[in-house]
């Protein structure tokens, strides 16, 4: 804009000078004055061309800036939409099923010279269910979903994960470190296990009631059916118990 303004002021000065010369046209001008007038007209012509060029450049720049403004408005709208629609539960990347083996391979890569690497036990690895994604929730048949909302279903997922974590933290502790209450729980958990549950993480209805605040009712049973549909868990019955095994 500064260049355009300078050119405009310069043209204005030249035109004022020409007007002064033309005002003297009635008087016979010397040859050198006529020559100077022609030079001034030539300069003004060049300045007008430069002025038109500057105007064209400014128009092109203005058009480009308007395009950037529209693009910026679209981006702001997209960001605002994402901000207003952030899901309450974000899915996490599913890790390897055998966390101990993955840790062992990493140790062996870091310390290749160690002849007898210490194997990290998978015993302390506690599994958890991934939250249900929106596409997964929408893929559940309507007759199965009923009036259960997306947030209610993932709240149940969190409650089951809480129960699983609390249960296996007790199981992984030494009996010497447990008090009378947790020792009884430890014994109960051990009685729930069978040869088919070895190496698996599971809970029963009593565990969920013990460690979470969710109400275990008919609606919760329906959510368990939906979690089986989404391949988050499976049931194993036996000994008068229904075990919910995490997949």
Protein backbone atom coordinates (compact mmCIF):
# COMPACT_ATOMS: atom_id res chain seq x y z
CA UNK A 1 0.00 0.00 0.00
CA UNK A 2 2.91 2.40 0.67
CA UNK A 3 4.25 1.96 -2.89
CA UNK A 4 0.81 2.58 -4.36
CA UNK A 5 0.37 5.73 -2.27
CA UNK A 6 3.79 7.05 -3.30
CA UNK A 7 3.01 6.52 -6.99
CA UNK A 8 -0.35 8.23 -6.60
CA UNK A 9 1.21 11.28 -4.92
CA UNK A 10 3.92 11.46 -7.55
CA UNK A 11 1.35 11.36 -10.36
CA UNK A 12 -0.64 14.07 -8.65
CA UNK A 13 2.45 16.31 -8.49
CA UNK A 14 3.21 15.70 -12.17
CA UNK A 15 -0.36 16.47 -13.21
CA UNK A 16 -0.29 19.70 -11.17
CA UNK A 17 2.90 20.66 -12.98
CA UNK A 18 1.31 19.94 -16.38
CA UNK A 19 -1.76 21.98 -15.51
CA UNK A 20 0.50 24.91 -14.69
CA UNK A 21 2.21 24.57 -18.09
CA UNK A 22 -1.08 24.22 -19.95
CA UNK A 23 -2.36 27.36 -18.22
CA UNK A 24 0.43 29.17 -20.00
CA UNK A 25 -0.54 27.64 -23.37
CA UNK A 26 -2.07 30.93 -24.55
CA UNK A 27 1.32 32.50 -24.28
CA UNK A 28 3.88 31.55 -26.85
CA UNK A 29 6.35 29.19 -25.12
CA UNK A 30 9.99 28.87 -25.93
CA UNK A 31 11.10 25.71 -27.68
CA UNK A 32 12.82 24.38 -24.58
CA UNK A 33 9.60 24.76 -22.56
CA UNK A 34 7.62 22.86 -25.18
CA UNK A 35 10.25 20.10 -25.09
CA UNK A 36 10.05 19.96 -21.31
CA UNK A 37 6.24 19.71 -21.51
CA UNK A 38 6.55 16.70 -23.82
CA UNK A 39 8.97 15.06 -21.40
CA UNK A 40 6.58 15.65 -18.53
CA UNK A 41 3.73 14.07 -20.52
CA UNK A 42 5.93 11.04 -21.25
CA UNK A 43 6.83 10.67 -17.57
CA UNK A 44 3.18 10.95 -16.54
CA UNK A 45 2.28 8.26 -19.09
CA UNK A 46 4.91 5.93 -17.60
CA UNK A 47 3.71 6.66 -14.11
CA UNK A 48 0.12 5.85 -15.08
CA UNK A 49 1.24 2.48 -16.44
CA UNK A 50 3.12 1.83 -13.18
CA UNK A 51 0.06 2.91 -11.22
CA UNK A 52 -2.18 0.48 -13.12
CA UNK A 53 0.34 -2.30 -12.50
CA UNK A 54 0.38 -1.57 -8.77
CA UNK A 55 -3.42 -1.53 -8.67
CA UNK A 56 -3.49 -4.93 -10.38
CA UNK A 57 -0.98 -6.36 -7.89
CA UNK A 58 -3.01 -4.99 -4.96
CA UNK A 59 -6.19 -6.53 -6.35
CA UNK A 60 -4.48 -9.92 -6.72
CA UNK A 61 -3.09 -9.72 -3.20
CA UNK A 62 -6.53 -8.77 -1.86
CA UNK A 63 -8.09 -11.75 -3.67
CA UNK A 64 -5.44 -14.04 -2.15
CA UNK A 65 -6.04 -12.64 1.33
CA UNK A 66 -9.79 -13.18 1.01
CA UNK A 67 -9.12 -16.81 0.10
CA UNK A 68 -6.91 -17.20 3.17
CA UNK A 69 -9.61 -15.61 5.32
CA UNK A 70 -12.23 -18.09 4.08
CA UNK A 71 -9.85 -21.01 4.67
CA UNK A 72 -9.07 -19.74 8.17
CA UNK A 73 -12.78 -19.44 8.99
CA UNK A 74 -13.35 -23.04 7.85
CA UNK A 75 -10.45 -24.28 9.99
CA UNK A 76 -11.71 -22.36 13.02
CA UNK A 77 -15.16 -23.85 12.51
CA UNK A 78 -13.70 -27.36 12.25
CA UNK A 79 -11.62 -26.94 15.40
CA UNK A 80 -14.62 -25.54 17.30
CA UNK A 81 -16.73 -28.50 16.16
CA UNK A 82 -14.09 -30.95 17.41
CA UNK A 83 -13.83 -29.05 20.69
CA UNK A 84 -17.60 -29.18 21.19
CA UNK A 85 -17.80 -32.89 20.31
CA UNK A 86 -14.87 -34.47 22.14
CA UNK A 87 -16.06 -37.94 23.26
CA UNK A 88 -16.05 -38.62 26.97
CA UNK A 89 -14.08 -41.82 26.40
CA UNK A 90 -11.11 -42.06 24.04
CA UNK A 91 -10.05 -45.51 22.77
CA UNK A 92 -6.48 -46.50 23.44
CA UNK A 93 -4.16 -48.57 21.32
CA UNK A 94 -4.51 -52.24 22.12
CA UNK A 95 -1.17 -53.64 23.33
CA UNK A 96 0.18 -57.15 22.77
CA UNK A 97 -1.68 -59.93 24.54
CA UNK A 98 1.47 -61.19 26.23
CA UNK A 99 3.06 -58.14 27.79
CA UNK A 100 5.78 -60.24 29.45
CA UNK A 101 7.08 -61.55 26.14
CA UNK A 102 7.19 -58.04 24.65
CA UNK A 103 9.15 -56.78 27.64
CA UNK A 104 11.52 -59.75 27.41
CA UNK A 105 12.24 -59.12 23.71
CA UNK A 106 13.02 -55.48 24.46
CA UNK A 107 15.41 -56.47 27.25
CA UNK A 108 17.16 -58.97 24.98
CA UNK A 109 17.59 -56.29 22.30
CA UNK A 110 19.12 -53.84 24.76
CA UNK A 111 21.38 -56.43 26.44
CA UNK A 112 22.36 -58.98 23.76
CA UNK A 113 25.49 -60.03 25.65
CA UNK A 114 23.58 -61.28 28.68
CA UNK A 115 23.59 -65.08 28.55
CA UNK A 116 20.71 -65.66 30.98
CA UNK A 117 18.25 -62.77 30.70
CA UNK A 118 15.81 -62.35 33.55
CA UNK A 119 12.34 -63.18 32.26
CA UNK A 120 9.68 -60.74 33.31
CA UNK A 121 6.61 -62.57 34.51
CA UNK A 122 3.28 -61.91 32.85
CA UNK A 123 1.64 -62.56 36.21
CA UNK A 124 1.60 -58.87 37.13
CA UNK A 125 0.06 -57.81 33.82
CA UNK A 126 -3.56 -56.78 34.40
CA UNK A 127 -5.70 -56.50 31.32
CA UNK A 128 -8.39 -53.93 30.73
CA UNK A 129 -11.12 -53.48 28.17
CA UNK A 130 -10.82 -50.78 25.54
CA UNK A 131 -13.67 -48.30 25.49
CA UNK A 132 -16.33 -48.80 22.87
CA UNK A 133 -15.93 -46.54 19.85
CA UNK A 134 -18.86 -44.72 18.26
CA UNK A 135 -18.83 -46.93 15.12
CA UNK A 136 -18.82 -50.04 17.32
CA UNK A 137 -21.71 -48.71 19.39
CA UNK A 138 -23.71 -47.87 16.28
CA UNK A 139 -23.08 -51.37 14.87
CA UNK A 140 -24.94 -52.94 17.82
CA UNK A 141 -28.50 -53.91 16.80
CA UNK A 142 -31.14 -51.53 18.08
CA UNK A 143 -33.08 -54.30 19.80
CA UNK A 144 -29.95 -55.06 21.83
CA UNK A 145 -29.11 -51.44 22.64
CA UNK A 146 -32.56 -50.42 23.78
CA UNK A 147 -32.29 -47.10 25.63
CA UNK A 148 -28.67 -47.55 26.71
CA UNK A 149 -26.57 -44.56 25.66
CA UNK A 150 -22.99 -44.53 24.42
CA UNK A 151 -21.76 -42.90 27.65
CA UNK A 152 -23.63 -45.41 29.84
CA UNK A 153 -22.03 -48.30 28.01
CA UNK A 154 -18.52 -46.93 28.42
CA UNK A 155 -19.23 -46.13 32.07
CA UNK A 156 -19.92 -49.86 32.50
CA UNK A 157 -16.63 -50.62 30.73
CA UNK A 158 -14.79 -48.39 33.21
CA UNK A 159 -16.54 -50.05 36.16
CA UNK A 160 -15.56 -53.52 34.98
CA UNK A 161 -11.97 -52.37 34.43
CA UNK A 162 -11.94 -50.93 37.96
CA UNK A 163 -13.13 -54.24 39.40
CA UNK A 164 -10.58 -56.25 37.39
CA UNK A 165 -7.71 -53.98 38.45
CA UNK A 166 -8.69 -54.05 42.13
CA UNK A 167 -9.14 -57.84 42.12
CA UNK A 168 -5.83 -58.69 40.50
CA UNK A 169 -3.88 -56.18 42.55
CA UNK A 170 -4.95 -58.20 45.59
CA UNK A 171 -4.14 -61.49 43.88
CA UNK A 172 -0.65 -60.28 42.97
CA UNK A 173 0.19 -59.32 46.54
CA UNK A 174 1.88 -61.61 49.01
CA UNK A 175 -0.45 -63.09 51.61
CA UNK A 176 1.79 -61.64 54.32
CA UNK A 177 0.98 -58.10 53.22
CA UNK A 178 -2.81 -58.57 53.31
CA UNK A 179 -5.12 -57.74 56.18
CA UNK A 180 -7.95 -60.00 57.28
CA UNK A 181 -10.48 -58.46 54.87
CA UNK A 182 -8.29 -58.60 51.74
CA UNK A 183 -7.07 -62.08 52.74
CA UNK A 184 -10.66 -63.31 52.62
CA UNK A 185 -11.08 -61.66 49.25
CA UNK A 186 -7.87 -63.31 48.04
CA UNK A 187 -9.21 -66.70 49.10
CA UNK A 188 -12.52 -66.04 47.37
CA UNK A 189 -10.78 -65.04 44.15
CA UNK A 190 -8.71 -68.22 44.22
CA UNK A 191 -11.83 -70.32 44.65
CA UNK A 192 -13.32 -68.73 41.55
CA UNK A 193 -10.44 -69.92 39.36
CA UNK A 194 -10.44 -73.10 37.30
CA UNK A 195 -7.99 -74.71 34.92
CA UNK A 196 -9.78 -72.90 32.06
CA UNK A 197 -9.21 -69.48 33.63
CA UNK A 198 -5.44 -69.87 33.97
CA UNK A 199 -3.63 -66.86 32.51
CA UNK A 200 -6.91 -65.01 31.99
CA UNK A 201 -8.39 -61.98 33.74
CA UNK A 202 -12.03 -62.27 34.73
CA UNK A 203 -14.58 -61.01 37.21
CA UNK A 204 -17.88 -62.28 38.52
CA UNK A 205 -20.94 -60.25 39.47
CA UNK A 206 -19.91 -60.19 43.13
CA UNK A 207 -16.52 -58.65 42.19
CA UNK A 208 -18.19 -55.87 40.21
CA UNK A 209 -20.47 -55.08 43.15
CA UNK A 210 -17.49 -55.18 45.51
CA UNK A 211 -15.23 -52.72 43.68
CA UNK A 212 -17.49 -50.44 41.63
CA UNK A 213 -20.53 -48.26 42.24
CA UNK A 214 -22.45 -49.40 39.18
CA UNK A 215 -25.84 -50.97 39.76
CA UNK A 216 -25.85 -54.58 38.60
CA UNK A 217 -29.40 -54.82 37.27
CA UNK A 218 -31.24 -55.87 34.14
CA UNK A 219 -29.83 -52.95 32.17
CA UNK A 220 -26.29 -53.90 33.20
CA UNK A 221 -26.93 -57.46 32.03
CA UNK A 222 -27.96 -55.99 28.67
CA UNK A 223 -24.69 -54.01 28.53
CA UNK A 224 -22.76 -57.24 29.18
CA UNK A 225 -24.54 -58.77 26.17
CA UNK A 226 -23.48 -55.78 24.06
CA UNK A 227 -19.88 -56.12 25.26
CA UNK A 228 -19.93 -59.74 24.16
CA UNK A 229 -21.29 -58.58 20.80
CA UNK A 230 -18.35 -56.13 20.52
CA UNK A 231 -15.92 -58.92 21.47
CA UNK A 232 -14.74 -57.24 24.66
CA UNK A 233 -15.51 -60.22 26.88
CA UNK A 234 -16.98 -63.71 26.93
CA UNK A 235 -18.84 -65.71 29.52
CA UNK A 236 -17.67 -68.89 31.21
CA UNK A 237 -20.13 -70.67 33.45
CA UNK A 238 -19.39 -73.33 36.02
CA UNK A 239 -19.63 -74.04 39.73
CA UNK A 240 -22.67 -71.80 40.07
CA UNK A 241 -20.72 -68.75 38.80
CA UNK A 242 -20.76 -66.75 35.61
CA UNK A 243 -17.26 -65.53 34.87
CA UNK A 244 -16.79 -62.56 32.55
CA UNK A 245 -13.46 -63.12 30.78
CA UNK A 246 -11.70 -60.11 29.24
CA UNK A 247 -10.61 -60.63 25.64
